[in-house]
Amino acid sequence: MRKVHKILGGFVLVALFLVGCGQKGTNITYNPKNYGQMNNSAQSQKATMRPYQVNGKWYYPTTVTLGQTYDGIASWYGPKFHGKKTSNGETYNMYAHTAAHKTLPMNTIVRVTNKENSKTTIVRINDRGPFVAGRIIDLSKAAADEIGMSGIAHVKIEVIGFNGTISNAMPLNQEVFARSEYKVANTQQSVQLSKFLVQIGAFRKQEGAKTFQKEHANIKGYSTVIKEYILDDAPIYRVMLTGFQSEEEARDIISSLKISGAFITTE
């Protein structure tokens, strides 16, 4: 019935993929499950759709909605990486309209507007990055040229399609569309890759997990659930809070609860 404290931070099963991330050749550690095995849809997700780690920081691809916008600083990558592999296994072509983003689903189509001159371009996400503080997207050379970027620029990013297809529900600048490489058709309204949970306890005995679950039921309106995994050929019962809409929301609850060893996981 004793709580397994070591499990909370120590035994993490990860899948390693040495991915030639276009802009830096960064090695990315993908995490299909924080530890243990469980049959669910996350196990079958492509590695590039799962949470991953770069330089000690975790990134969580999550729910993305058509029309969603982001503001930030864009950079670009060109000749040095031309012909090398991107994170999803494609060959980087600096003359194609593609880009790297840290968390958007692969093959998401976004419209990028240079806020300094209002020029726009349309790109498809096929790489991970840029892993530089403060930067939101890494454009191909062709896309950077199209919006008048010589170095970095303040941009607005708008999600206009998924799976390599622009949604016909999105307004398009016809001049930009004429130069884009992507078709226009009906698309889904959103993509959900990760559901965030916060693990607050882990037990070898199911009875201990149930007791702990009752003690921490309905914390600040979140549900408490038990999920069974297999670790070292034996069951492990993980007690988790659910109902978070983002990584930031999950981190806020960890900070406020101050439960030793609590951490974010996804499904």
Protein backbone atom coordinates (compact mmCIF):
# COMPACT_ATOMS: atom_id res chain seq x y z
CA MET A 1 0.00 0.00 0.00
CA ARG A 2 3.07 2.26 0.18
CA LYS A 3 3.31 4.99 -2.42
CA VAL A 4 6.06 4.41 -4.98
CA HIS A 5 7.87 7.77 -4.88
CA LYS A 6 10.68 6.62 -7.15
CA ILE A 7 8.26 6.02 -9.99
CA LEU A 8 7.28 9.68 -10.15
CA GLY A 9 10.48 10.90 -11.62
CA GLY A 10 12.79 8.04 -12.29
CA PHE A 11 11.51 5.30 -14.53
CA VAL A 12 10.74 6.95 -17.84
CA LEU A 13 10.43 4.88 -20.96
CA VAL A 14 11.24 6.87 -24.07
CA ALA A 15 11.63 6.13 -27.75
CA LEU A 16 14.70 7.72 -29.31
CA PHE A 17 14.56 8.95 -32.86
CA LEU A 18 17.66 10.63 -34.29
CA VAL A 19 15.89 13.14 -36.48
CA GLY A 20 17.66 15.51 -38.85
CA CYS A 21 15.72 18.59 -37.79
CA GLY A 22 16.36 20.90 -40.70
CA GLN A 23 17.66 23.99 -39.00
CA LYS A 24 20.14 22.44 -36.57
CA GLY A 25 20.21 18.68 -37.07
CA THR A 26 18.87 18.50 -33.51
CA ASN A 27 18.42 15.09 -31.91
CA ILE A 28 14.86 14.82 -30.64
CA THR A 29 13.69 12.47 -27.91
CA TYR A 30 10.08 11.48 -28.53
CA ASN A 31 8.03 10.28 -25.58
CA PRO A 32 5.15 7.96 -26.56
CA LYS A 33 4.28 7.45 -22.90
CA ASN A 34 5.97 8.91 -19.85
CA TYR A 35 6.51 5.37 -18.64
CA GLY A 36 4.79 2.01 -18.78
CA GLN A 37 2.69 0.54 -21.54
CA MET A 38 -0.99 1.11 -22.12
CA ASN A 39 -3.15 0.38 -25.14
CA ASN A 40 -4.68 3.63 -26.41
CA SER A 41 -4.63 5.83 -29.46
CA ALA A 42 -1.51 7.69 -28.37
CA GLN A 43 0.55 4.54 -28.80
CA SER A 44 -0.21 4.53 -32.51
CA GLN A 45 0.54 8.20 -33.15
CA LYS A 46 3.46 8.96 -35.41
CA ALA A 47 6.55 9.97 -33.48
CA THR A 48 6.42 13.51 -34.84
CA MET A 49 2.92 13.91 -33.36
CA ARG A 50 3.99 12.96 -29.83
CA PRO A 51 5.53 15.06 -27.06
CA TYR A 52 9.29 15.39 -27.54
CA GLN A 53 12.32 16.78 -25.75
CA VAL A 54 15.07 19.08 -27.00
CA ASN A 55 17.85 20.36 -24.74
CA GLY A 56 15.96 19.31 -21.62
CA LYS A 57 12.69 21.06 -22.54
CA TRP A 58 9.49 19.17 -23.39
CA TYR A 59 7.23 20.27 -26.26
CA TYR A 60 3.61 19.10 -26.46
CA PRO A 61 1.81 19.03 -29.82
CA THR A 62 -1.81 19.57 -28.85
CA THR A 63 -5.23 20.73 -30.07
CA VAL A 64 -5.10 23.07 -33.07
CA THR A 65 -8.20 24.76 -34.51
CA LEU A 66 -8.81 26.16 -37.97
CA GLY A 67 -8.41 29.94 -37.84
CA GLN A 68 -6.25 29.87 -34.71
CA THR A 69 -3.60 32.62 -34.71
CA TYR A 70 -0.21 33.14 -33.08
CA ASP A 71 2.17 36.10 -32.96
CA GLY A 72 5.93 35.88 -32.67
CA ILE A 73 9.29 36.18 -34.37
CA ALA A 74 10.04 34.25 -37.55
CA SER A 75 13.43 33.19 -38.83
CA TRP A 76 14.42 31.18 -41.92
CA TYR A 77 16.84 28.47 -43.01
CA GLY A 78 18.34 27.98 -46.44
CA PRO A 79 21.36 26.64 -48.40
CA LYS A 80 23.14 25.06 -45.44
CA PHE A 81 20.21 22.67 -44.94
CA HIS A 82 19.00 22.27 -48.52
CA GLY A 83 18.76 18.55 -49.34
CA LYS A 84 18.91 17.40 -45.71
CA LYS A 85 16.17 15.52 -43.88
CA THR A 86 13.41 17.33 -42.00
CA SER A 87 11.86 16.02 -38.79
CA ASN A 88 9.10 14.15 -40.64
CA GLY A 89 11.58 12.43 -42.98
CA GLU A 90 11.09 14.63 -46.02
CA THR A 91 14.00 16.26 -47.84
CA TYR A 92 14.25 19.96 -47.14
CA ASN A 93 13.84 22.08 -50.26
CA MET A 94 14.55 25.74 -49.64
CA TYR A 95 12.60 26.63 -52.81
CA ALA A 96 9.38 24.98 -51.54
CA HIS A 97 6.93 26.75 -49.24
CA THR A 98 7.46 24.83 -46.00
CA ALA A 99 8.35 25.67 -42.41
CA ALA A 100 9.40 24.33 -39.03
CA HIS A 101 7.22 24.77 -35.94
CA LYS A 102 7.67 23.37 -32.44
CA THR A 103 4.16 22.01 -31.82
CA LEU A 104 1.80 22.36 -34.80
CA PRO A 105 0.84 19.00 -36.36
CA MET A 106 2.88 17.96 -39.35
CA ASN A 107 1.27 19.02 -42.67
CA THR A 108 -0.66 21.86 -41.04
CA ILE A 109 -1.01 24.72 -43.52
CA VAL A 110 -0.48 28.23 -42.12
CA ARG A 111 -0.61 31.72 -43.53
CA VAL A 112 2.32 33.82 -42.32
CA THR A 113 2.02 37.61 -42.41
CA ASN A 114 5.02 39.86 -41.97
CA LYS A 115 3.66 42.49 -39.55
CA GLU A 116 6.31 44.94 -40.68
CA ASN A 117 5.17 45.13 -44.32
CA SER A 118 1.85 43.14 -44.42
CA LYS A 119 3.23 40.68 -47.02
CA THR A 120 1.92 37.11 -46.70
CA THR A 121 2.94 33.59 -47.64
CA ILE A 122 1.42 30.12 -47.24
CA VAL A 123 3.54 27.26 -45.91
CA ARG A 124 3.17 23.63 -44.82
CA ILE A 125 4.72 22.46 -41.54
CA ASN A 126 7.16 19.59 -42.20
CA ASP A 127 9.85 20.19 -39.59
CA ARG A 128 10.36 20.88 -35.87
CA GLY A 129 11.89 24.10 -34.55
CA PRO A 130 13.13 26.77 -34.28
CA PHE A 131 14.70 25.92 -30.93
CA VAL A 132 15.80 29.48 -30.25
CA ALA A 133 14.21 31.47 -27.44
CA GLY A 134 11.50 33.84 -28.64
CA ARG A 135 11.16 32.44 -32.15
CA ILE A 136 7.88 30.93 -33.30
CA ILE A 137 8.50 29.60 -36.83
CA ASP A 138 11.39 28.83 -39.20
CA LEU A 139 10.48 29.50 -42.84
CA SER A 140 12.00 28.08 -45.98
CA LYS A 141 14.06 30.55 -48.01
CA ALA A 142 11.33 30.84 -50.64
CA ALA A 143 8.69 31.69 -48.04
CA ALA A 144 11.01 34.17 -46.29
CA ASP A 145 11.74 35.90 -49.61
CA GLU A 146 8.02 36.10 -50.35
CA ILE A 147 7.35 38.18 -47.23
CA GLY A 148 10.47 40.29 -47.54
CA MET A 149 12.50 38.72 -44.72
CA SER A 150 16.26 39.10 -44.78
CA GLY A 151 16.87 38.02 -41.18
CA ILE A 152 14.07 37.79 -38.63
CA ALA A 153 10.64 39.42 -38.64
CA HIS A 154 7.62 39.87 -36.39
CA VAL A 155 4.85 37.75 -37.88
CA LYS A 156 1.30 36.59 -37.42
CA ILE A 157 0.59 32.90 -38.09
CA GLU A 158 -2.93 31.70 -38.94
CA VAL A 159 -3.93 28.04 -39.29
CA ILE A 160 -5.76 27.68 -42.62
CA GLY A 161 -5.71 23.92 -43.23
CA PHE A 162 -4.59 20.44 -42.26
CA ASN A 163 -3.02 17.43 -43.94
CA GLY A 164 -1.52 19.54 -46.71
CA THR A 165 -4.90 21.00 -47.77
CA ILE A 166 -6.08 24.60 -47.40
CA SER A 167 -9.62 24.89 -46.06
CA ASN A 168 -12.05 26.41 -48.53
CA ALA A 169 -13.67 28.14 -45.56
CA MET A 170 -10.64 30.43 -45.17
CA PRO A 171 -10.35 33.73 -47.07
CA LEU A 172 -7.33 33.72 -49.39
CA ASN A 173 -5.25 36.36 -51.04
CA GLN A 174 -5.54 35.21 -54.65
CA GLU A 175 -2.06 36.39 -55.59
CA VAL A 176 -0.51 34.35 -52.78
CA PHE A 177 -2.75 31.38 -53.50
CA ALA A 178 -1.68 31.40 -57.15
CA ARG A 179 1.90 30.90 -56.01
CA SER A 180 1.13 28.31 -53.32
CA GLU A 181 1.70 24.58 -53.79
CA TYR A 182 -1.38 23.31 -51.96
CA LYS A 183 -4.91 22.41 -52.98
CA VAL A 184 -8.09 23.93 -51.56
CA ALA A 185 -10.87 21.64 -50.29
CA ASN A 186 -13.02 20.83 -47.27
CA THR A 187 -10.88 20.15 -44.20
CA GLN A 188 -11.46 19.17 -40.62
CA GLN A 189 -12.03 21.99 -38.14
CA SER A 190 -9.42 20.94 -35.61
CA VAL A 191 -6.72 18.40 -34.79
CA GLN A 192 -6.23 17.08 -31.27
CA LEU A 193 -2.92 15.35 -30.63
CA SER A 194 -2.57 15.43 -26.87
CA LYS A 195 -4.82 15.47 -23.84
CA PHE A 196 -2.98 16.80 -20.81
CA LEU A 197 -3.02 15.10 -17.43
CA VAL A 198 -1.08 15.70 -14.23
CA GLN A 199 0.19 12.63 -12.41
CA ILE A 200 0.01 13.13 -8.66
CA GLY A 201 0.77 9.59 -7.45
CA ALA A 202 1.84 6.09 -8.52
CA PHE A 203 1.23 2.82 -6.68
CA ARG A 204 1.99 -0.87 -7.06
CA LYS A 205 -1.19 -1.76 -5.16
CA GLN A 206 -4.55 -0.78 -6.64
CA GLU A 207 -6.01 -0.30 -3.16
CA GLY A 208 -3.43 2.38 -2.40
CA ALA A 209 -4.20 4.16 -5.65
CA LYS A 210 -7.94 4.15 -4.89
CA THR A 211 -7.38 5.59 -1.42
CA PHE A 212 -5.14 8.32 -2.82
CA GLN A 213 -7.70 9.05 -5.54
CA LYS A 214 -10.44 9.61 -2.95
CA GLU A 215 -8.17 11.87 -0.90
CA HIS A 216 -7.54 14.05 -3.97
CA ALA A 217 -10.96 13.95 -5.65
CA ASN A 218 -12.20 17.07 -7.44
CA ILE A 219 -9.15 19.21 -6.82
CA LYS A 220 -10.10 22.69 -8.06
CA GLY A 221 -12.78 21.12 -10.26
CA TYR A 222 -10.52 18.63 -12.05
CA SER A 223 -11.35 14.92 -12.15
CA THR A 224 -9.06 12.33 -10.56
CA VAL A 225 -8.62 9.04 -12.41
CA ILE A 226 -6.54 5.88 -12.10
CA LYS A 227 -4.78 4.47 -15.15
CA GLU A 228 -3.19 1.04 -15.12
CA TYR A 229 0.14 0.47 -16.88
CA ILE A 230 2.70 -2.30 -16.98
CA LEU A 231 6.16 -1.50 -15.64
CA ASP A 232 8.87 -4.14 -15.20
CA ASP A 233 6.30 -6.85 -15.98
CA ALA A 234 4.03 -5.78 -13.12
CA PRO A 235 1.02 -3.46 -12.88
CA ILE A 236 1.55 0.15 -11.84
CA TYR A 237 -1.45 2.32 -10.94
CA ARG A 238 -1.05 6.00 -11.77
CA VAL A 239 -3.34 8.58 -10.18
CA MET A 240 -3.93 11.57 -12.45
CA LEU A 241 -5.86 14.81 -12.65
CA THR A 242 -7.65 15.34 -15.97
CA GLY A 243 -9.52 18.14 -17.73
CA PHE A 244 -6.68 20.45 -18.72
CA GLN A 245 -6.94 22.33 -22.00
CA SER A 246 -3.27 23.23 -22.32
CA GLU A 247 0.22 22.58 -21.04
CA GLU A 248 0.18 25.98 -19.32
CA GLU A 249 -3.00 25.14 -17.40
CA ALA A 250 -1.48 21.85 -16.23
CA ARG A 251 1.69 23.62 -15.10
CA ASP A 252 -0.36 26.15 -13.14
CA ILE A 253 -2.09 23.40 -11.15
CA ILE A 254 1.25 21.72 -10.39
CA SER A 255 2.59 25.01 -9.04
CA SER A 256 -0.48 25.60 -6.87
CA LEU A 257 -0.78 22.04 -5.50
CA LYS A 258 2.84 21.65 -4.43
CA ILE A 259 2.52 17.83 -4.52
CA SER A 260 5.99 16.30 -4.51
CA GLY A 261 6.85 14.60 -7.81
CA ALA A 262 3.75 15.75 -9.75
CA PHE A 263 4.37 16.04 -13.49
CA ILE A 264 2.58 16.47 -16.81
CA THR A 265 1.77 13.53 -19.06
CA THR A 266 -0.38 13.19 -22.17
CA GLU A 267 -2.64 10.69 -23.86
